[in-house]
């Protein structure tokens, strides 16, 4: 048998149960993994609460790293003993062992351990597509990053600085401001109420070409007001709730702005894109340009406590669940 965190109904952290489940057998094109570390991400909360829909009962979790135990028919590029990681689904990461399609796995290079891999894959690949594809950050640009002390935010601050950009990080507390500054944010704004005015002051009135916003409802309109004409609003999360419908005419009135709601699944749907993004991520981590901060660990069986801490904004950097 395998242990897993499962939900039979949506709701608060208390709906998560530590259960015995049968150990699956790998089918054609699949791999059986033993997890060494499991990543905690805000998208896990969305599935737990029902904001994102999935069939029930369900095992949460979209990111982990581990060791291949067995491979199914047709799998030729992985073998038992290989160290691998994945991010972006399908659900099933909150388990000691699981099966997953081999083409969703990435081999880990020497120098990246399982805990670091579990902490960096979903957040790091998210940062990669945001900074290198959704808006390809250029040297000399100034960009706004919300939740700059969170897992994705800390990676983005470091990576954007490495690319030659100036980062304006947005955080909720002074302690988080210090953390964002230590990881590459040149300027930090606490709270979003005065954000457009602060961005105007910092940029001398020029405003910014792109805002990366994972907060959602509470920050959407202030974020639009930070953009220069033809600027891009990248809304990639819903920590404060989903963005409500709005009049598209607002975009023209504020300077012919663009808005996108991207997902990692789309950007890594093709295996070639997944491998290229992972290589880009591994390269900056191994070069020391981006450090991965695992600031909290919880036993996997205590995932409910980890969710409560995450939702209460008591976490910084990455959080890892240990089977």
C-alpha atoms as a PDB file:
ATOM      1  CA  UNK A   1       0.000   0.000   0.000  1.00  0.00           C
ATOM      2  CA  UNK A   2       0.910   3.662  -0.491  1.00  0.00           C
ATOM      3  CA  UNK A   3       0.118   6.599   1.797  1.00  0.00           C
ATOM      4  CA  UNK A   4      -1.578   9.666   0.316  1.00  0.00           C
ATOM      5  CA  UNK A   5      -3.364  12.861   1.290  1.00  0.00           C
ATOM      6  CA  UNK A   6      -6.844  12.630  -0.239  1.00  0.00           C
ATOM      7  CA  UNK A   7      -9.932  14.816  -0.260  1.00  0.00           C
ATOM      8  CA  UNK A   8     -13.473  13.455  -0.525  1.00  0.00           C
ATOM      9  CA  UNK A   9     -15.091  16.910  -0.462  1.00  0.00           C
ATOM     10  CA  UNK A  10     -13.893  20.454  -1.094  1.00  0.00           C
ATOM     11  CA  UNK A  11     -13.426  22.910   1.756  1.00  0.00           C
ATOM     12  CA  UNK A  12     -10.887  23.972   4.370  1.00  0.00           C
ATOM     13  CA  UNK A  13      -7.635  22.248   5.294  1.00  0.00           C
ATOM     14  CA  UNK A  14      -9.582  19.794   7.467  1.00  0.00           C
ATOM     15  CA  UNK A  15     -10.954  17.990   4.381  1.00  0.00           C
ATOM     16  CA  UNK A  16      -7.501  16.501   3.726  1.00  0.00           C
ATOM     17  CA  UNK A  17      -7.152  12.937   5.008  1.00  0.00           C
ATOM     18  CA  UNK A  18      -4.014  10.756   5.371  1.00  0.00           C
ATOM     19  CA  UNK A  19      -5.078   7.433   3.869  1.00  0.00           C
ATOM     20  CA  UNK A  20      -3.829   4.074   2.642  1.00  0.00           C
ATOM     21  CA  UNK A  21      -4.257   3.598  -1.107  1.00  0.00           C
ATOM     22  CA  UNK A  22      -3.173   0.721  -3.355  1.00  0.00           C
ATOM     23  CA  UNK A  23       0.264   1.163  -4.914  1.00  0.00           C
ATOM     24  CA  UNK A  24      -0.398   1.655  -8.642  1.00  0.00           C
ATOM     25  CA  UNK A  25       1.267  -0.272 -11.451  1.00  0.00           C
ATOM     26  CA  UNK A  26       2.812   1.720 -14.304  1.00  0.00           C
ATOM     27  CA  UNK A  27       0.879   1.378 -17.547  1.00  0.00           C
ATOM     28  CA  UNK A  28       2.228   1.864 -21.073  1.00  0.00           C
ATOM     29  CA  UNK A  29       4.253   5.072 -21.242  1.00  0.00           C
ATOM     30  CA  UNK A  30       4.152   5.498 -17.459  1.00  0.00           C
ATOM     31  CA  UNK A  31       6.642   5.426 -14.608  1.00  0.00           C
ATOM     32  CA  UNK A  32       6.216   4.439 -10.957  1.00  0.00           C
ATOM     33  CA  UNK A  33       7.948   6.938  -8.666  1.00  0.00           C
ATOM     34  CA  UNK A  34       8.866   6.951  -5.001  1.00  0.00           C
ATOM     35  CA  UNK A  35       8.642  10.570  -3.904  1.00  0.00           C
ATOM     36  CA  UNK A  36      11.521  12.033  -1.933  1.00  0.00           C
ATOM     37  CA  UNK A  37       9.952  15.485  -1.589  1.00  0.00           C
ATOM     38  CA  UNK A  38       6.664  17.102  -2.626  1.00  0.00           C
ATOM     39  CA  UNK A  39       6.198  20.768  -3.452  1.00  0.00           C
ATOM     40  CA  UNK A  40       3.463  22.913  -1.871  1.00  0.00           C
ATOM     41  CA  UNK A  41       1.852  25.482  -4.166  1.00  0.00           C
ATOM     42  CA  UNK A  42      -1.111  27.818  -3.993  1.00  0.00           C
ATOM     43  CA  UNK A  43      -2.773  25.952  -6.838  1.00  0.00           C
ATOM     44  CA  UNK A  44      -3.159  23.050  -4.369  1.00  0.00           C
ATOM     45  CA  UNK A  45      -5.403  25.327  -2.285  1.00  0.00           C
ATOM     46  CA  UNK A  46      -7.513  26.152  -5.342  1.00  0.00           C
ATOM     47  CA  UNK A  47      -8.203  22.449  -5.953  1.00  0.00           C
ATOM     48  CA  UNK A  48      -8.861  21.803  -2.253  1.00  0.00           C
ATOM     49  CA  UNK A  49     -11.395  24.625  -1.982  1.00  0.00           C
ATOM     50  CA  UNK A  50     -13.110  23.804  -5.266  1.00  0.00           C
ATOM     51  CA  UNK A  51     -12.089  27.001  -7.073  1.00  0.00           C
ATOM     52  CA  UNK A  52     -10.449  24.680  -9.600  1.00  0.00           C
ATOM     53  CA  UNK A  53     -12.570  21.621 -10.334  1.00  0.00           C
ATOM     54  CA  UNK A  54     -11.471  17.986 -10.183  1.00  0.00           C
ATOM     55  CA  UNK A  55     -13.184  14.642  -9.726  1.00  0.00           C
ATOM     56  CA  UNK A  56     -13.470  13.411  -6.134  1.00  0.00           C
ATOM     57  CA  UNK A  57     -12.011  11.702  -4.236  1.00  0.00           C
ATOM     58  CA  UNK A  58      -8.706  13.214  -5.293  1.00  0.00           C
ATOM     59  CA  UNK A  59      -5.061  13.214  -4.257  1.00  0.00           C
ATOM     60  CA  UNK A  60      -3.766  16.774  -4.324  1.00  0.00           C
ATOM     61  CA  UNK A  61      -0.337  17.923  -5.478  1.00  0.00           C
ATOM     62  CA  UNK A  62       1.164  18.889  -8.830  1.00  0.00           C
ATOM     63  CA  UNK A  63       4.895  18.933  -8.108  1.00  0.00           C
ATOM     64  CA  UNK A  64       7.402  16.478  -6.671  1.00  0.00           C
ATOM     65  CA  UNK A  65      10.791  14.882  -7.075  1.00  0.00           C
ATOM     66  CA  UNK A  66      11.750  11.288  -6.550  1.00  0.00           C
ATOM     67  CA  UNK A  67      13.315   8.105  -7.813  1.00  0.00           C
ATOM     68  CA  UNK A  68      12.035   5.840 -10.568  1.00  0.00           C
ATOM     69  CA  UNK A  69      10.987   2.430  -9.183  1.00  0.00           C
ATOM     70  CA  UNK A  70       9.619   0.831 -12.354  1.00  0.00           C
ATOM     71  CA  UNK A  71       8.740   1.736 -15.936  1.00  0.00           C
ATOM     72  CA  UNK A  72       5.864   0.635 -18.134  1.00  0.00           C
ATOM     73  CA  UNK A  73       5.922  -0.623 -21.703  1.00  0.00           C
ATOM     74  CA  UNK A  74       7.289   1.830 -24.231  1.00  0.00           C
ATOM     75  CA  UNK A  75       9.409   3.833 -21.793  1.00  0.00           C
ATOM     76  CA  UNK A  76      12.970   3.855 -23.092  1.00  0.00           C
ATOM     77  CA  UNK A  77      14.570   7.065 -21.808  1.00  0.00           C
ATOM     78  CA  UNK A  78      14.057   6.406 -18.073  1.00  0.00           C
ATOM     79  CA  UNK A  79      15.140   3.501 -15.884  1.00  0.00           C
ATOM     80  CA  UNK A  80      14.796   2.404 -12.254  1.00  0.00           C
ATOM     81  CA  UNK A  81      17.089   4.504 -10.091  1.00  0.00           C
ATOM     82  CA  UNK A  82      16.855   7.670 -12.168  1.00  0.00           C
ATOM     83  CA  UNK A  83      16.271  10.879 -10.201  1.00  0.00           C
ATOM     84  CA  UNK A  84      13.449  12.867 -11.751  1.00  0.00           C
ATOM     85  CA  UNK A  85      11.045  15.722 -11.057  1.00  0.00           C
ATOM     86  CA  UNK A  86       7.792  17.058 -12.456  1.00  0.00           C
ATOM     87  CA  UNK A  87       5.487  20.041 -12.163  1.00  0.00           C
ATOM     88  CA  UNK A  88       2.117  21.068 -13.458  1.00  0.00           C
ATOM     89  CA  UNK A  89       0.100  17.937 -13.046  1.00  0.00           C
ATOM     90  CA  UNK A  90      -1.798  15.774 -13.275  1.00  0.00           C
ATOM     91  CA  UNK A  91      -2.881  15.745  -9.640  1.00  0.00           C
ATOM     92  CA  UNK A  92      -1.452  13.046  -7.387  1.00  0.00           C
ATOM     93  CA  UNK A  93       1.712  14.454  -5.831  1.00  0.00           C
ATOM     94  CA  UNK A  94       0.650  14.208  -2.172  1.00  0.00           C
ATOM     95  CA  UNK A  95       1.576  10.519  -2.012  1.00  0.00           C
ATOM     96  CA  UNK A  96       4.561   8.407  -1.085  1.00  0.00           C
ATOM     97  CA  UNK A  97       4.421   6.660  -4.479  1.00  0.00           C
ATOM     98  CA  UNK A  98       2.558   7.375  -7.702  1.00  0.00           C
ATOM     99  CA  UNK A  99       2.483   6.685 -11.422  1.00  0.00           C
ATOM    100  CA  UNK A 100       2.830   9.443 -13.983  1.00  0.00           C
ATOM    101  CA  UNK A 101       3.383   9.717 -17.732  1.00  0.00           C
ATOM    102  CA  UNK A 102       7.083   9.472 -18.513  1.00  0.00           C
ATOM    103  CA  UNK A 103       6.931  12.408 -20.914  1.00  0.00           C
ATOM    104  CA  UNK A 104       6.015  14.722 -18.008  1.00  0.00           C
ATOM    105  CA  UNK A 105       9.239  13.892 -16.139  1.00  0.00           C
ATOM    106  CA  UNK A 106      12.570  15.676 -16.311  1.00  0.00           C
ATOM    107  CA  UNK A 107      15.837  14.057 -15.263  1.00  0.00           C
ATOM    108  CA  UNK A 108      17.646  15.973 -12.531  1.00  0.00           C
ATOM    109  CA  UNK A 109      21.224  17.051 -13.140  1.00  0.00           C
ATOM    110  CA  UNK A 110      23.954  16.425 -10.597  1.00  0.00           C
ATOM    111  CA  UNK A 111      24.011  19.290  -8.121  1.00  0.00           C
ATOM    112  CA  UNK A 112      20.239  19.530  -7.617  1.00  0.00           C
ATOM    113  CA  UNK A 113      18.894  17.354  -4.791  1.00  0.00           C
ATOM    114  CA  UNK A 114      15.333  16.071  -4.469  1.00  0.00           C
ATOM    115  CA  UNK A 115      14.268  18.664  -1.886  1.00  0.00           C
ATOM    116  CA  UNK A 116      15.516  21.553  -4.004  1.00  0.00           C
ATOM    117  CA  UNK A 117      13.920  20.060  -7.102  1.00  0.00           C
ATOM    118  CA  UNK A 118      10.536  19.686  -5.396  1.00  0.00           C
ATOM    119  CA  UNK A 119      10.776  23.290  -4.238  1.00  0.00           C
ATOM    120  CA  UNK A 120      11.736  24.736  -7.614  1.00  0.00           C
ATOM    121  CA  UNK A 121       9.988  22.928 -10.427  1.00  0.00           C
ATOM    122  CA  UNK A 122       6.505  24.453 -10.517  1.00  0.00           C
ATOM    123  CA  UNK A 123       7.576  27.841  -9.220  1.00  0.00           C
ATOM    124  CA  UNK A 124      10.775  27.920 -11.267  1.00  0.00           C
ATOM    125  CA  UNK A 125       9.143  26.815 -14.500  1.00  0.00           C
ATOM    126  CA  UNK A 126       6.432  29.401 -13.876  1.00  0.00           C
ATOM    127  CA  UNK A 127       9.074  32.091 -13.472  1.00  0.00           C
ATOM    128  CA  UNK A 128      10.783  30.854 -16.628  1.00  0.00           C
ATOM    129  CA  UNK A 129       7.784  31.167 -18.911  1.00  0.00           C
ATOM    130  CA  UNK A 130       6.708  34.482 -17.370  1.00  0.00           C
ATOM    131  CA  UNK A 131      10.122  36.126 -17.756  1.00  0.00           C
ATOM    132  CA  UNK A 132      11.315  34.479 -20.971  1.00  0.00           C
ATOM    133  CA  UNK A 133       8.139  33.915 -23.005  1.00  0.00           C
ATOM    134  CA  UNK A 134       4.990  35.719 -21.782  1.00  0.00           C
ATOM    135  CA  UNK A 135       7.032  38.928 -21.686  1.00  0.00           C
ATOM    136  CA  UNK A 136      10.664  38.490 -22.603  1.00  0.00           C
ATOM    137  CA  UNK A 137      12.353  40.707 -20.041  1.00  0.00           C
ATOM    138  CA  UNK A 138      15.098  42.891 -21.471  1.00  0.00           C
ATOM    139  CA  UNK A 139      18.097  44.590 -19.830  1.00  0.00           C
ATOM    140  CA  UNK A 140      17.178  48.046 -18.597  1.00  0.00           C
ATOM    141  CA  UNK A 141      13.459  47.355 -18.154  1.00  0.00           C
ATOM    142  CA  UNK A 142      11.625  47.938 -14.885  1.00  0.00           C
ATOM    143  CA  UNK A 143       9.027  45.317 -13.945  1.00  0.00           C
ATOM    144  CA  UNK A 144       6.537  44.907 -11.091  1.00  0.00           C
ATOM    145  CA  UNK A 145       6.365  41.559  -9.274  1.00  0.00           C
ATOM    146  CA  UNK A 146       3.552  40.960  -6.786  1.00  0.00           C
ATOM    147  CA  UNK A 147       4.022  38.545  -3.848  1.00  0.00           C
ATOM    148  CA  UNK A 148       7.738  39.171  -4.275  1.00  0.00           C
ATOM    149  CA  UNK A 149       8.647  37.228  -1.127  1.00  0.00           C
ATOM    150  CA  UNK A 150       6.707  34.128  -2.146  1.00  0.00           C
ATOM    151  CA  UNK A 151       8.121  31.089  -3.881  1.00  0.00           C
ATOM    152  CA  UNK A 152       7.605  32.324  -7.438  1.00  0.00           C
ATOM    153  CA  UNK A 153       8.337  35.903  -6.440  1.00  0.00           C
ATOM    154  CA  UNK A 154      11.774  35.233  -4.956  1.00  0.00           C
ATOM    155  CA  UNK A 155      12.800  33.299  -8.053  1.00  0.00           C
ATOM    156  CA  UNK A 156      11.475  36.036 -10.358  1.00  0.00           C
ATOM    157  CA  UNK A 157      13.266  38.808  -8.451  1.00  0.00           C
ATOM    158  CA  UNK A 158      16.604  37.016  -8.769  1.00  0.00           C
ATOM    159  CA  UNK A 159      16.114  35.946 -12.369  1.00  0.00           C
ATOM    160  CA  UNK A 160      14.876  39.338 -13.568  1.00  0.00           C
ATOM    161  CA  UNK A 161      17.866  41.032 -11.930  1.00  0.00           C
ATOM    162  CA  UNK A 162      20.143  38.473 -13.595  1.00  0.00           C
ATOM    163  CA  UNK A 163      18.573  39.497 -16.930  1.00  0.00           C
ATOM    164  CA  UNK A 164      19.435  43.125 -16.259  1.00  0.00           C
ATOM    165  CA  UNK A 165      15.999  44.359 -15.202  1.00  0.00           C
ATOM    166  CA  UNK A 166      15.032  46.533 -12.240  1.00  0.00           C
ATOM    167  CA  UNK A 167      12.439  44.831 -10.029  1.00  0.00           C
ATOM    168  CA  UNK A 168       9.753  46.632  -8.033  1.00  0.00           C
ATOM    169  CA  UNK A 169       8.556  43.989  -5.583  1.00  0.00           C
ATOM    170  CA  UNK A 170       5.183  44.181  -3.835  1.00  0.00           C
ATOM    171  CA  UNK A 171       4.843  42.502  -0.428  1.00  0.00           C
ATOM    172  CA  UNK A 172       2.589  42.586   2.640  1.00  0.00           C
ATOM    173  CA  UNK A 173       5.052  43.128   5.521  1.00  0.00           C
ATOM    174  CA  UNK A 174       8.377  44.747   6.270  1.00  0.00           C
ATOM    175  CA  UNK A 175       9.930  41.344   6.992  1.00  0.00           C
ATOM    176  CA  UNK A 176       8.914  40.187   3.522  1.00  0.00           C
ATOM    177  CA  UNK A 177      10.257  43.437   2.090  1.00  0.00           C
ATOM    178  CA  UNK A 178      13.697  42.640   3.498  1.00  0.00           C
ATOM    179  CA  UNK A 179      13.540  39.170   1.992  1.00  0.00           C
ATOM    180  CA  UNK A 180      12.592  40.534  -1.435  1.00  0.00           C
ATOM    181  CA  UNK A 181      15.427  43.080  -1.306  1.00  0.00           C
ATOM    182  CA  UNK A 182      17.886  40.343  -0.388  1.00  0.00           C
ATOM    183  CA  UNK A 183      16.826  38.426  -3.492  1.00  0.00           C
ATOM    184  CA  UNK A 184      17.163  41.127  -6.102  1.00  0.00           C
ATOM    185  CA  UNK A 185      14.265  43.561  -5.747  1.00  0.00           C
ATOM    186  CA  UNK A 186      15.696  47.054  -6.217  1.00  0.00           C
ATOM    187  CA  UNK A 187      12.550  48.665  -4.806  1.00  0.00           C
ATOM    188  CA  UNK A 188       9.872  47.233  -2.529  1.00  0.00           C
ATOM    189  CA  UNK A 189       6.338  48.504  -1.925  1.00  0.00           C
ATOM    190  CA  UNK A 190       4.412  47.266   1.121  1.00  0.00           C
ATOM    191  CA  UNK A 191       0.744  46.884   0.226  1.00  0.00           C
ATOM    192  CA  UNK A 192      -0.951  47.807  -3.028  1.00  0.00           C
ATOM    193  CA  UNK A 193      -3.106  50.813  -2.108  1.00  0.00           C
ATOM    194  CA  UNK A 194      -0.460  53.341  -3.197  1.00  0.00           C
ATOM    195  CA  UNK A 195       1.262  51.098  -5.729  1.00  0.00           C
ATOM    196  CA  UNK A 196       0.593  53.165  -8.902  1.00  0.00           C
ATOM    197  CA  UNK A 197       1.872  56.321  -7.185  1.00  0.00           C
ATOM    198  CA  UNK A 198       4.991  54.512  -5.982  1.00  0.00           C
ATOM    199  CA  UNK A 199       5.660  53.056  -9.424  1.00  0.00           C
ATOM    200  CA  UNK A 200       5.229  56.522 -10.945  1.00  0.00           C
ATOM    201  CA  UNK A 201       7.714  57.948  -8.442  1.00  0.00           C
ATOM    202  CA  UNK A 202      10.263  55.163  -8.936  1.00  0.00           C
ATOM    203  CA  UNK A 203      10.086  55.303 -12.744  1.00  0.00           C
ATOM    204  CA  UNK A 204       9.948  59.100 -13.016  1.00  0.00           C
ATOM    205  CA  UNK A 205       6.505  58.867 -14.554  1.00  0.00           C
ATOM    206  CA  UNK A 206       7.414  56.324 -17.238  1.00  0.00           C
ATOM    207  CA  UNK A 207       5.556  53.436 -15.548  1.00  0.00           C
ATOM    208  CA  UNK A 208       6.376  49.812 -16.489  1.00  0.00           C
ATOM    209  CA  UNK A 209       5.981  47.553 -19.544  1.00  0.00           C
ATOM    210  CA  UNK A 210       4.752  44.552 -17.538  1.00  0.00           C
ATOM    211  CA  UNK A 211       3.182  43.676 -14.195  1.00  0.00           C
ATOM    212  CA  UNK A 212       3.312  40.081 -12.925  1.00  0.00           C
ATOM    213  CA  UNK A 213       0.327  39.621 -10.609  1.00  0.00           C
ATOM    214  CA  UNK A 214      -0.398  36.382  -8.751  1.00  0.00           C
ATOM    215  CA  UNK A 215      -2.728  37.992  -6.198  1.00  0.00           C
ATOM    216  CA  UNK A 216      -5.801  38.423  -8.401  1.00  0.00           C
ATOM    217  CA  UNK A 217      -8.932  40.307  -7.386  1.00  0.00           C
ATOM    218  CA  UNK A 218      -7.461  42.770  -4.868  1.00  0.00           C
ATOM    219  CA  UNK A 219      -4.556  43.961  -7.018  1.00  0.00           C
ATOM    220  CA  UNK A 220      -5.880  43.774 -10.570  1.00  0.00           C
ATOM    221  CA  UNK A 221      -6.974  47.395 -10.989  1.00  0.00           C
ATOM    222  CA  UNK A 222      -3.968  48.926  -9.164  1.00  0.00           C
ATOM    223  CA  UNK A 223      -1.745  46.788 -11.382  1.00  0.00           C
ATOM    224  CA  UNK A 224      -3.334  48.162 -14.550  1.00  0.00           C
ATOM    225  CA  UNK A 225      -2.555  51.672 -13.318  1.00  0.00           C
ATOM    226  CA  UNK A 226       1.150  50.787 -13.100  1.00  0.00           C
ATOM    227  CA  UNK A 227       1.440  50.060 -16.819  1.00  0.00           C
ATOM    228  CA  UNK A 228       2.887  52.281 -19.513  1.00  0.00           C
ATOM    229  CA  UNK A 229       0.884  52.591 -22.746  1.00  0.00           C
ATOM    230  CA  UNK A 230       0.822  49.235 -24.582  1.00  0.00           C
ATOM    231  CA  UNK A 231       1.888  47.548 -21.334  1.00  0.00           C
ATOM    232  CA  UNK A 232       1.088  43.936 -20.457  1.00  0.00           C
ATOM    233  CA  UNK A 233      -0.837  42.827 -17.369  1.00  0.00           C
ATOM    234  CA  UNK A 234       0.079  39.218 -16.573  1.00  0.00           C
ATOM    235  CA  UNK A 235      -2.502  37.798 -14.146  1.00  0.00           C
ATOM    236  CA  UNK A 236      -1.249  34.336 -13.207  1.00  0.00           C
ATOM    237  CA  UNK A 237      -2.821  33.646  -9.802  1.00  0.00           C
ATOM    238  CA  UNK A 238      -5.826  34.163  -7.541  1.00  0.00           C
ATOM    239  CA  UNK A 239      -4.471  34.383  -3.988  1.00  0.00           C
ATOM    240  CA  UNK A 240      -7.102  37.006  -3.075  1.00  0.00           C
ATOM    241  CA  UNK A 241      -9.790  35.466  -5.283  1.00  0.00           C
ATOM    242  CA  UNK A 242     -10.462  35.433  -9.034  1.00  0.00           C
ATOM    243  CA  UNK A 243     -10.533  38.675 -10.990  1.00  0.00           C
ATOM    244  CA  UNK A 244     -14.191  39.612 -11.632  1.00  0.00           C
ATOM    245  CA  UNK A 245     -15.476  40.456 -15.111  1.00  0.00           C
ATOM    246  CA  UNK A 246     -14.539  43.950 -16.243  1.00  0.00           C
ATOM    247  CA  UNK A 247     -15.236  46.330 -19.131  1.00  0.00           C
ATOM    248  CA  UNK A 248     -12.660  45.839 -21.891  1.00  0.00           C
ATOM    249  CA  UNK A 249     -12.957  49.552 -22.616  1.00  0.00           C
ATOM    250  CA  UNK A 250     -10.847  50.118 -19.494  1.00  0.00           C
ATOM    251  CA  UNK A 251      -7.849  48.760 -21.400  1.00  0.00           C
ATOM    252  CA  UNK A 252      -8.170  51.324 -24.174  1.00  0.00           C
ATOM    253  CA  UNK A 253      -8.782  54.164 -21.731  1.00  0.00           C
ATOM    254  CA  UNK A 254      -5.635  53.312 -19.788  1.00  0.00           C
ATOM    255  CA  UNK A 255      -3.355  53.198 -22.830  1.00  0.00           C
ATOM    256  CA  UNK A 256      -4.247  50.309 -25.169  1.00  0.00           C
ATOM    257  CA  UNK A 257      -3.142  47.788 -22.588  1.00  0.00           C
ATOM    258  CA  UNK A 258      -2.840  44.031 -22.951  1.00  0.00           C
ATOM    259  CA  UNK A 259      -4.018  41.408 -20.434  1.00  0.00           C
ATOM    260  CA  UNK A 260      -3.164  37.706 -20.358  1.00  0.00           C
ATOM    261  CA  UNK A 261      -4.092  34.853 -18.015  1.00  0.00           C
ATOM    262  CA  UNK A 262      -1.395  32.230 -18.715  1.00  0.00           C
ATOM    263  CA  UNK A 263      -0.849  28.762 -17.251  1.00  0.00           C
ATOM    264  CA  UNK A 264       2.217  26.583 -16.973  1.00  0.00           C
ATOM    265  CA  UNK A 265       0.278  23.691 -18.532  1.00  0.00           C
ATOM    266  CA  UNK A 266      -0.075  25.573 -21.821  1.00  0.00           C
ATOM    267  CA  UNK A 267       3.556  26.677 -21.927  1.00  0.00           C
ATOM    268  CA  UNK A 268       4.878  23.152 -21.260  1.00  0.00           C
ATOM    269  CA  UNK A 269       2.272  21.105 -23.134  1.00  0.00           C
ATOM    270  CA  UNK A 270       4.853  20.084 -25.739  1.00  0.00           C
ATOM    271  CA  UNK A 271       7.663  17.960 -24.335  1.00  0.00           C
ATOM    272  CA  UNK A 272      10.244  19.991 -26.260  1.00  0.00           C
ATOM    273  CA  UNK A 273       9.041  23.147 -24.492  1.00  0.00           C
ATOM    274  CA  UNK A 274       9.107  21.400 -21.105  1.00  0.00           C
ATOM    275  CA  UNK A 275      12.691  20.222 -21.593  1.00  0.00           C
ATOM    276  CA  UNK A 276      13.853  23.627 -22.849  1.00  0.00           C
ATOM    277  CA  UNK A 277      12.224  25.431 -19.912  1.00  0.00           C
ATOM    278  CA  UNK A 278      13.691  22.964 -17.402  1.00  0.00           C
ATOM    279  CA  UNK A 279      17.172  23.349 -18.882  1.00  0.00           C
ATOM    280  CA  UNK A 280      16.867  27.129 -18.660  1.00  0.00           C
ATOM    281  CA  UNK A 281      15.840  26.806 -15.000  1.00  0.00           C
ATOM    282  CA  UNK A 282      18.535  24.282 -14.104  1.00  0.00           C
ATOM    283  CA  UNK A 283      21.189  26.454 -15.769  1.00  0.00           C
ATOM    284  CA  UNK A 284      20.441  29.586 -13.718  1.00  0.00           C
ATOM    285  CA  UNK A 285      20.226  27.591 -10.484  1.00  0.00           C
ATOM    286  CA  UNK A 286      23.448  25.665 -11.081  1.00  0.00           C
ATOM    287  CA  UNK A 287      25.197  28.915 -12.083  1.00  0.00           C
ATOM    288  CA  UNK A 288      24.170  30.491  -8.782  1.00  0.00           C
ATOM    289  CA  UNK A 289      22.123  33.265 -10.422  1.00  0.00           C
ATOM    290  CA  UNK A 290      18.975  31.941  -8.730  1.00  0.00           C
ATOM    291  CA  UNK A 291      18.961  30.350  -5.282  1.00  0.00           C
ATOM    292  CA  UNK A 292      16.011  28.265  -4.138  1.00  0.00           C
ATOM    293  CA  UNK A 293      14.859  29.081  -0.611  1.00  0.00           C
ATOM    294  CA  UNK A 294      13.191  26.152   1.163  1.00  0.00           C
ATOM    295  CA  UNK A 295      12.006  28.116   4.187  1.00  0.00           C
ATOM    296  CA  UNK A 296       9.424  25.643   5.519  1.00  0.00           C
ATOM    297  CA  UNK A 297       9.133  21.863   5.631  1.00  0.00           C
ATOM    298  CA  UNK A 298       6.209  19.791   6.886  1.00  0.00           C
ATOM    299  CA  UNK A 299       5.671  16.044   7.043  1.00  0.00           C
ATOM    300  CA  UNK A 300       3.399  15.074   4.163  1.00  0.00           C
ATOM    301  CA  UNK A 301       0.859  13.690   6.642  1.00  0.00           C
ATOM    302  CA  UNK A 302       0.599  17.229   8.101  1.00  0.00           C
ATOM    303  CA  UNK A 303      -0.285  18.845   4.771  1.00  0.00           C
ATOM    304  CA  UNK A 304      -3.345  20.459   6.377  1.00  0.00           C
ATOM    305  CA  UNK A 305      -1.085  22.513   8.643  1.00  0.00           C
ATOM    306  CA  UNK A 306       1.016  23.520   5.645  1.00  0.00           C
ATOM    307  CA  UNK A 307      -2.094  24.703   3.787  1.00  0.00           C
ATOM    308  CA  UNK A 308      -3.224  26.729   6.797  1.00  0.00           C
ATOM    309  CA  UNK A 309       0.169  28.440   7.020  1.00  0.00           C
ATOM    310  CA  UNK A 310       0.210  29.170   3.293  1.00  0.00           C
ATOM    311  CA  UNK A 311      -3.267  30.706   3.297  1.00  0.00           C
ATOM    312  CA  UNK A 312      -2.423  32.808   6.365  1.00  0.00           C
ATOM    313  CA  UNK A 313       0.581  34.274   4.506  1.00  0.00           C
ATOM    314  CA  UNK A 314       2.885  32.816   7.145  1.00  0.00           C
ATOM    315  CA  UNK A 315       5.252  31.272   4.583  1.00  0.00           C
ATOM    316  CA  UNK A 316       8.056  32.739   2.497  1.00  0.00           C
ATOM    317  CA  UNK A 317      10.005  31.202  -0.324  1.00  0.00           C
ATOM    318  CA  UNK A 318       9.239  27.550  -0.997  1.00  0.00           C
ATOM    319  CA  UNK A 319       7.569  24.956   1.213  1.00  0.00           C
ATOM    320  CA  UNK A 320       8.279  21.233   0.888  1.00  0.00           C
ATOM    321  CA  UNK A 321       6.264  18.279   2.188  1.00  0.00           C
ATOM    322  CA  UNK A 322       8.374  15.283   3.195  1.00  0.00           C
ATOM    323  CA  UNK A 323       6.820  11.808   2.735  1.00  0.00           C
END
